[in-house]
């Protein structure tokens, strides 16, 4: 009879499908591993060999995944509180330590979704309510940006022939922390990421993209008064570079209509990880991964944070 066996290592759970078989040399049963199922949050029915996909085993796997999800969410609350406290205190060693722990226990996506981005939202909320000063807000977000740069720097570069993606903001926009979040997700998928950063004139960005001919350009803008500049940049890219993928996102996109965007443009109103999750890994032959077609909009059921725009800041 097959059943699930759980192994715990450094606060992470791993599932195995095992079966008890009689060992005549020992005179008693021994457990034999039939399949390694991986982390419960990543395992699925397809992970179970067809011959063992009984209703009871499927229910057991679902229950294990739910239990592990609850445990991880509970742990994320404490990590988020500690990370936020370290950022507001300007305590770089503590913030780095919590980030490393969260990355290890929650995985990269869990760290960003459950710890990093919510912490930045809370900093923005406290600033908007005048609970912290602009100096405290700048200290915390600057520290967060530094930690994020360290995380990204630890990731391997995409292969020389991997598809390139340009990250930028429209001219006049200075909020670039969110570009770093997108950079990390794309680099984990194997893309070569060219993060232009902030304050570059639109003409310069256009010239850069014409020269590099990337597979896609992601534009983020937070300030509402950058809407026109961001929209013009996106349209110029689509007009002048045939076949390029362009996505715009951020709080500044709130006024953009997403029901009939220009062909080739995504208007993204959800978290960056939700949007980029549909992108394939850049492991096609000669780096020729195909990007998903434009959907015109991206609105996941959980609107937990705007794409490429984690901080709400008044200026």
Protein backbone atom coordinates (compact mmCIF):
# COMPACT_ATOMS: atom_id res chain seq x y z
CA UNK A 1 0.00 0.00 0.00
CA UNK A 2 1.39 3.41 -1.04
CA UNK A 3 1.30 6.48 1.19
CA UNK A 4 2.91 9.89 1.57
CA UNK A 5 6.03 10.41 3.63
CA UNK A 6 7.15 13.90 4.66
CA UNK A 7 10.71 15.02 5.15
CA UNK A 8 11.52 18.36 6.79
CA UNK A 9 14.76 20.20 6.11
CA UNK A 10 15.57 23.73 7.26
CA UNK A 11 11.90 24.55 7.80
CA UNK A 12 10.91 23.31 4.36
CA UNK A 13 8.73 20.30 3.66
CA UNK A 14 9.31 17.71 0.94
CA UNK A 15 6.93 14.90 0.02
CA UNK A 16 7.69 11.36 -1.14
CA UNK A 17 5.41 8.60 -2.34
CA UNK A 18 6.49 5.41 -0.59
CA UNK A 19 5.31 1.83 -0.29
CA UNK A 20 5.93 -0.85 2.32
CA UNK A 21 7.37 -4.03 0.83
CA UNK A 22 8.30 -7.23 2.58
CA UNK A 23 12.04 -7.81 2.81
CA UNK A 24 12.60 -11.56 3.31
CA UNK A 25 16.26 -11.04 4.23
CA UNK A 26 15.26 -8.83 7.17
CA UNK A 27 12.06 -10.62 8.03
CA UNK A 28 10.01 -7.40 8.12
CA UNK A 29 8.68 -4.73 5.72
CA UNK A 30 10.83 -1.88 4.41
CA UNK A 31 9.75 1.41 2.90
CA UNK A 32 10.62 1.90 -0.77
CA UNK A 33 10.45 5.34 -2.41
CA UNK A 34 8.23 5.18 -5.49
CA UNK A 35 8.50 8.86 -6.44
CA UNK A 36 9.84 12.12 -5.14
CA UNK A 37 6.95 14.61 -5.25
CA UNK A 38 8.83 17.73 -4.16
CA UNK A 39 7.46 20.60 -2.11
CA UNK A 40 3.74 20.22 -1.40
CA UNK A 41 2.97 23.68 -2.80
CA UNK A 42 4.53 22.65 -6.11
CA UNK A 43 3.39 19.03 -6.30
CA UNK A 44 0.31 18.10 -8.28
CA UNK A 45 -1.69 15.03 -9.23
CA UNK A 46 0.60 14.66 -12.25
CA UNK A 47 3.50 14.15 -9.84
CA UNK A 48 1.95 10.85 -8.74
CA UNK A 49 2.57 7.89 -11.06
CA UNK A 50 -0.67 6.92 -12.80
CA UNK A 51 -0.85 3.50 -11.17
CA UNK A 52 -0.95 5.12 -7.71
CA UNK A 53 -3.42 7.97 -8.32
CA UNK A 54 -6.05 6.80 -5.93
CA UNK A 55 -8.64 9.20 -4.47
CA UNK A 56 -7.19 8.75 -0.99
CA UNK A 57 -3.66 9.65 -2.11
CA UNK A 58 -4.89 12.70 -4.02
CA UNK A 59 -6.80 13.87 -0.95
CA UNK A 60 -3.74 13.30 1.21
CA UNK A 61 -1.58 15.38 -1.15
CA UNK A 62 -4.15 18.19 -1.19
CA UNK A 63 -4.34 18.16 2.61
CA UNK A 64 -0.54 18.24 2.88
CA UNK A 65 -0.36 21.18 0.47
CA UNK A 66 -3.02 23.08 2.45
CA UNK A 67 -1.20 22.41 5.72
CA UNK A 68 2.12 23.51 4.27
CA UNK A 69 0.54 26.64 2.77
CA UNK A 70 -0.95 27.58 6.14
CA UNK A 71 2.38 26.98 7.88
CA UNK A 72 4.28 29.11 5.37
CA UNK A 73 1.75 31.94 5.54
CA UNK A 74 1.96 31.93 9.32
CA UNK A 75 5.74 32.09 9.14
CA UNK A 76 5.56 34.89 6.57
CA UNK A 77 3.68 37.13 9.01
CA UNK A 78 6.54 37.05 11.48
CA UNK A 79 9.19 37.48 8.80
CA UNK A 80 7.31 40.42 7.30
CA UNK A 81 7.09 42.13 10.69
CA UNK A 82 10.81 41.65 11.33
CA UNK A 83 11.76 42.81 7.84
CA UNK A 84 9.61 45.94 8.12
CA UNK A 85 11.03 46.75 11.55
CA UNK A 86 14.60 46.40 10.25
CA UNK A 87 13.90 48.63 7.22
CA UNK A 88 12.34 51.38 9.31
CA UNK A 89 15.21 51.23 11.78
CA UNK A 90 17.76 51.40 8.99
CA UNK A 91 19.30 48.17 10.27
CA UNK A 92 20.93 46.69 7.18
CA UNK A 93 22.42 43.55 8.81
CA UNK A 94 19.06 42.56 10.32
CA UNK A 95 17.16 43.30 7.11
CA UNK A 96 19.61 41.21 5.09
CA UNK A 97 19.40 38.37 7.59
CA UNK A 98 15.60 38.31 7.51
CA UNK A 99 15.61 38.48 3.69
CA UNK A 100 17.95 35.47 3.49
CA UNK A 101 15.77 33.50 5.89
CA UNK A 102 12.61 34.39 3.99
CA UNK A 103 14.16 33.46 0.63
CA UNK A 104 15.19 30.10 2.06
CA UNK A 105 11.91 29.30 3.81
CA UNK A 106 9.38 30.84 1.41
CA UNK A 107 11.24 30.69 -1.87
CA UNK A 108 11.92 33.77 -4.05
CA UNK A 109 8.31 34.28 -5.12
CA UNK A 110 7.02 33.83 -1.57
CA UNK A 111 9.58 36.32 -0.27
CA UNK A 112 8.50 39.00 -2.72
CA UNK A 113 4.78 38.27 -2.46
CA UNK A 114 4.48 37.79 1.30
CA UNK A 115 7.35 39.81 2.77
CA UNK A 116 9.04 42.33 0.50
CA UNK A 117 6.17 43.97 -1.37
CA UNK A 118 3.76 44.05 1.62
CA UNK A 119 6.50 45.70 3.68
CA UNK A 120 6.89 48.43 1.08
CA UNK A 121 3.13 48.90 0.93
CA UNK A 122 3.09 49.35 4.70
CA UNK A 123 5.90 51.91 4.52
CA UNK A 124 3.95 53.83 1.89
CA UNK A 125 0.78 53.62 3.97
CA UNK A 126 2.52 54.96 7.07
CA UNK A 127 4.06 57.79 5.10
CA UNK A 128 0.73 58.75 3.52
CA UNK A 129 -0.77 58.92 7.02
CA UNK A 130 2.17 61.00 8.25
CA UNK A 131 3.13 58.31 10.73
CA UNK A 132 6.72 58.42 9.45
CA UNK A 133 8.71 61.27 7.92
CA UNK A 134 9.89 61.49 4.34
CA UNK A 135 13.43 60.92 5.63
CA UNK A 136 12.37 57.67 7.31
CA UNK A 137 10.54 56.60 4.16
CA UNK A 138 13.60 57.31 2.00
CA UNK A 139 15.85 55.45 4.45
CA UNK A 140 13.63 52.35 4.43
CA UNK A 141 13.05 52.21 0.67
CA UNK A 142 16.71 52.93 -0.03
CA UNK A 143 17.71 50.05 2.22
CA UNK A 144 15.16 47.78 0.51
CA UNK A 145 16.57 48.75 -2.89
CA UNK A 146 20.09 47.91 -1.74
CA UNK A 147 19.03 44.48 -0.49
CA UNK A 148 17.19 43.82 -3.73
CA UNK A 149 20.29 44.77 -5.71
CA UNK A 150 22.31 42.24 -3.69
CA UNK A 151 19.73 39.53 -4.35
CA UNK A 152 19.73 40.24 -8.08
CA UNK A 153 23.52 40.37 -8.20
CA UNK A 154 23.64 36.85 -6.76
CA UNK A 155 21.60 35.49 -9.66
CA UNK A 156 23.34 34.06 -12.73
CA UNK A 157 23.36 36.14 -15.88
CA UNK A 158 21.26 34.94 -18.78
CA UNK A 159 23.07 33.07 -21.54
CA UNK A 160 24.64 35.13 -24.29
CA UNK A 161 21.95 33.98 -26.71
CA UNK A 162 19.04 34.35 -24.26
CA UNK A 163 16.21 36.76 -25.17
CA UNK A 164 16.75 40.29 -23.91
CA UNK A 165 14.16 42.32 -21.99
CA UNK A 166 14.53 46.07 -21.38
CA UNK A 167 13.14 47.56 -18.17
CA UNK A 168 12.57 51.31 -18.02
CA UNK A 169 10.43 54.20 -16.85
CA UNK A 170 9.25 57.20 -18.90
CA UNK A 171 11.22 60.41 -18.72
CA UNK A 172 10.63 62.33 -15.52
CA UNK A 173 9.78 59.21 -13.50
CA UNK A 174 12.18 58.48 -10.63
CA UNK A 175 10.57 55.41 -9.00
CA UNK A 176 12.72 52.47 -10.06
CA UNK A 177 12.64 50.06 -7.14
CA UNK A 178 9.94 48.07 -8.87
CA UNK A 179 12.11 47.56 -11.94
CA UNK A 180 14.48 45.63 -9.69
CA UNK A 181 11.64 43.32 -8.63
CA UNK A 182 10.86 42.53 -12.26
CA UNK A 183 14.57 42.07 -12.98
CA UNK A 184 14.86 39.34 -10.37
CA UNK A 185 11.90 37.39 -11.70
CA UNK A 186 13.10 37.63 -15.30
CA UNK A 187 16.66 36.65 -14.47
CA UNK A 188 15.40 33.56 -12.64
CA UNK A 189 13.66 32.60 -15.86
CA UNK A 190 16.93 32.92 -17.76
CA UNK A 191 16.40 36.20 -19.63
CA UNK A 192 19.11 38.77 -20.19
CA UNK A 193 17.76 41.84 -18.43
CA UNK A 194 18.76 45.38 -19.38
CA UNK A 195 17.56 47.65 -16.58
CA UNK A 196 17.79 51.22 -17.88
CA UNK A 197 16.67 52.66 -14.53
CA UNK A 198 15.13 56.09 -14.08
CA UNK A 199 15.17 59.56 -15.59
CA UNK A 200 16.38 58.57 -19.07
CA UNK A 201 14.72 60.71 -21.78
CA UNK A 202 12.22 58.86 -23.97
CA UNK A 203 14.36 59.58 -27.04
CA UNK A 204 17.33 57.90 -25.40
CA UNK A 205 15.27 54.85 -24.46
CA UNK A 206 13.97 54.60 -28.02
CA UNK A 207 17.48 54.77 -29.46
CA UNK A 208 18.67 52.16 -26.99
CA UNK A 209 15.84 49.76 -27.86
CA UNK A 210 16.37 50.29 -31.60
CA UNK A 211 20.00 49.31 -31.15
CA UNK A 212 19.47 46.31 -28.88
CA UNK A 213 16.30 44.95 -30.52
CA UNK A 214 15.10 43.12 -27.36
CA UNK A 215 12.22 40.67 -27.27
CA UNK A 216 10.23 42.90 -24.93
CA UNK A 217 10.15 46.21 -23.07
CA UNK A 218 8.49 46.65 -19.68
CA UNK A 219 7.63 50.23 -18.71
CA UNK A 220 6.71 51.20 -15.16
CA UNK A 221 5.36 54.51 -13.97
CA UNK A 222 4.01 55.46 -10.58
CA UNK A 223 3.36 59.18 -10.79
CA UNK A 224 0.05 60.09 -12.52
CA UNK A 225 1.66 63.02 -14.31
CA UNK A 226 3.97 60.57 -16.11
CA UNK A 227 1.01 58.91 -17.81
CA UNK A 228 1.31 60.86 -21.06
CA UNK A 229 5.07 60.31 -21.31
CA UNK A 230 4.71 56.60 -20.58
CA UNK A 231 1.90 56.17 -23.09
CA UNK A 232 3.85 58.00 -25.80
CA UNK A 233 6.91 55.84 -25.17
CA UNK A 234 4.90 52.63 -25.45
CA UNK A 235 3.20 53.71 -28.69
CA UNK A 236 6.47 54.83 -30.27
CA UNK A 237 8.07 51.48 -29.46
CA UNK A 238 5.18 49.60 -31.04
CA UNK A 239 5.19 51.81 -34.12
CA UNK A 240 8.93 51.80 -34.76
CA UNK A 241 9.96 48.29 -33.79
CA UNK A 242 7.73 45.64 -35.41
CA UNK A 243 7.07 42.49 -33.41
CA UNK A 244 8.30 43.81 -30.06
CA UNK A 245 6.35 43.02 -26.89
CA UNK A 246 5.55 46.05 -24.73
CA UNK A 247 3.94 46.05 -21.29
CA UNK A 248 3.06 49.06 -19.15
CA UNK A 249 2.20 48.89 -15.49
CA UNK A 250 2.22 50.72 -12.21
CA UNK A 251 -0.13 52.97 -10.29
CA UNK A 252 0.13 55.48 -13.10
CA UNK A 253 -1.74 53.11 -15.41
CA UNK A 254 -4.98 53.46 -13.42
CA UNK A 255 -6.35 55.94 -15.96
CA UNK A 256 -5.49 53.77 -18.97
CA UNK A 257 -8.27 51.82 -20.64
CA UNK A 258 -7.41 48.16 -20.97
CA UNK A 259 -10.37 47.02 -23.07
CA UNK A 260 -8.93 48.01 -26.45
CA UNK A 261 -5.18 48.60 -26.25
CA UNK A 262 -2.97 48.87 -29.35
CA UNK A 263 -1.90 45.55 -30.83
CA UNK A 264 1.15 44.17 -29.05
CA UNK A 265 0.60 46.06 -25.81
CA UNK A 266 -0.20 44.65 -22.37
CA UNK A 267 -1.71 47.00 -19.79
CA UNK A 268 -0.96 45.27 -16.52
CA UNK A 269 -3.03 45.91 -13.41
CA UNK A 270 -1.74 43.12 -11.21
CA UNK A 271 1.39 41.98 -9.35
CA UNK A 272 4.51 41.50 -11.44
CA UNK A 273 4.88 37.87 -10.39
CA UNK A 274 1.39 37.07 -11.65
CA UNK A 275 2.13 38.65 -15.01
CA UNK A 276 5.60 37.17 -15.48
CA UNK A 277 4.54 33.71 -14.30
CA UNK A 278 3.04 33.07 -17.74
CA UNK A 279 6.32 33.86 -19.47
CA UNK A 280 8.25 30.76 -20.53
CA UNK A 281 11.74 30.07 -19.27
CA UNK A 282 14.31 31.42 -21.68
CA UNK A 283 15.72 28.00 -22.46
CA UNK A 284 14.62 27.56 -26.05
CA UNK A 285 17.14 26.66 -28.70
CA UNK A 286 19.45 29.62 -29.33
CA UNK A 287 17.55 31.57 -26.71
CA UNK A 288 14.47 31.68 -28.90
CA UNK A 289 11.82 31.43 -26.21
CA UNK A 290 8.45 32.65 -27.44
CA UNK A 291 6.81 35.28 -25.29
CA UNK A 292 3.09 35.08 -24.57
CA UNK A 293 0.83 36.99 -26.90
CA UNK A 294 -0.57 40.30 -25.77
CA UNK A 295 -3.74 39.94 -23.78
CA UNK A 296 -4.46 43.64 -23.57
CA UNK A 297 -4.71 43.49 -19.82
CA UNK A 298 -3.74 41.34 -16.91
CA UNK A 299 -6.03 41.39 -13.93
CA UNK A 300 -5.62 38.46 -11.54
CA UNK A 301 -8.33 37.73 -9.03
CA UNK A 302 -6.11 38.97 -6.21
CA UNK A 303 -5.27 42.61 -6.79
CA UNK A 304 -2.54 42.48 -4.19
CA UNK A 305 -0.29 45.27 -5.37
CA UNK A 306 0.17 47.05 -8.67
CA UNK A 307 2.59 45.69 -11.23
CA UNK A 308 6.03 47.25 -10.90
CA UNK A 309 4.79 49.73 -8.34
CA UNK A 310 5.07 48.56 -4.74
CA UNK A 311 5.42 51.92 -3.02
CA UNK A 312 2.77 54.62 -2.82
CA UNK A 313 4.63 57.86 -2.27
CA UNK A 314 3.58 61.49 -2.11
CA UNK A 315 5.91 64.09 -3.60
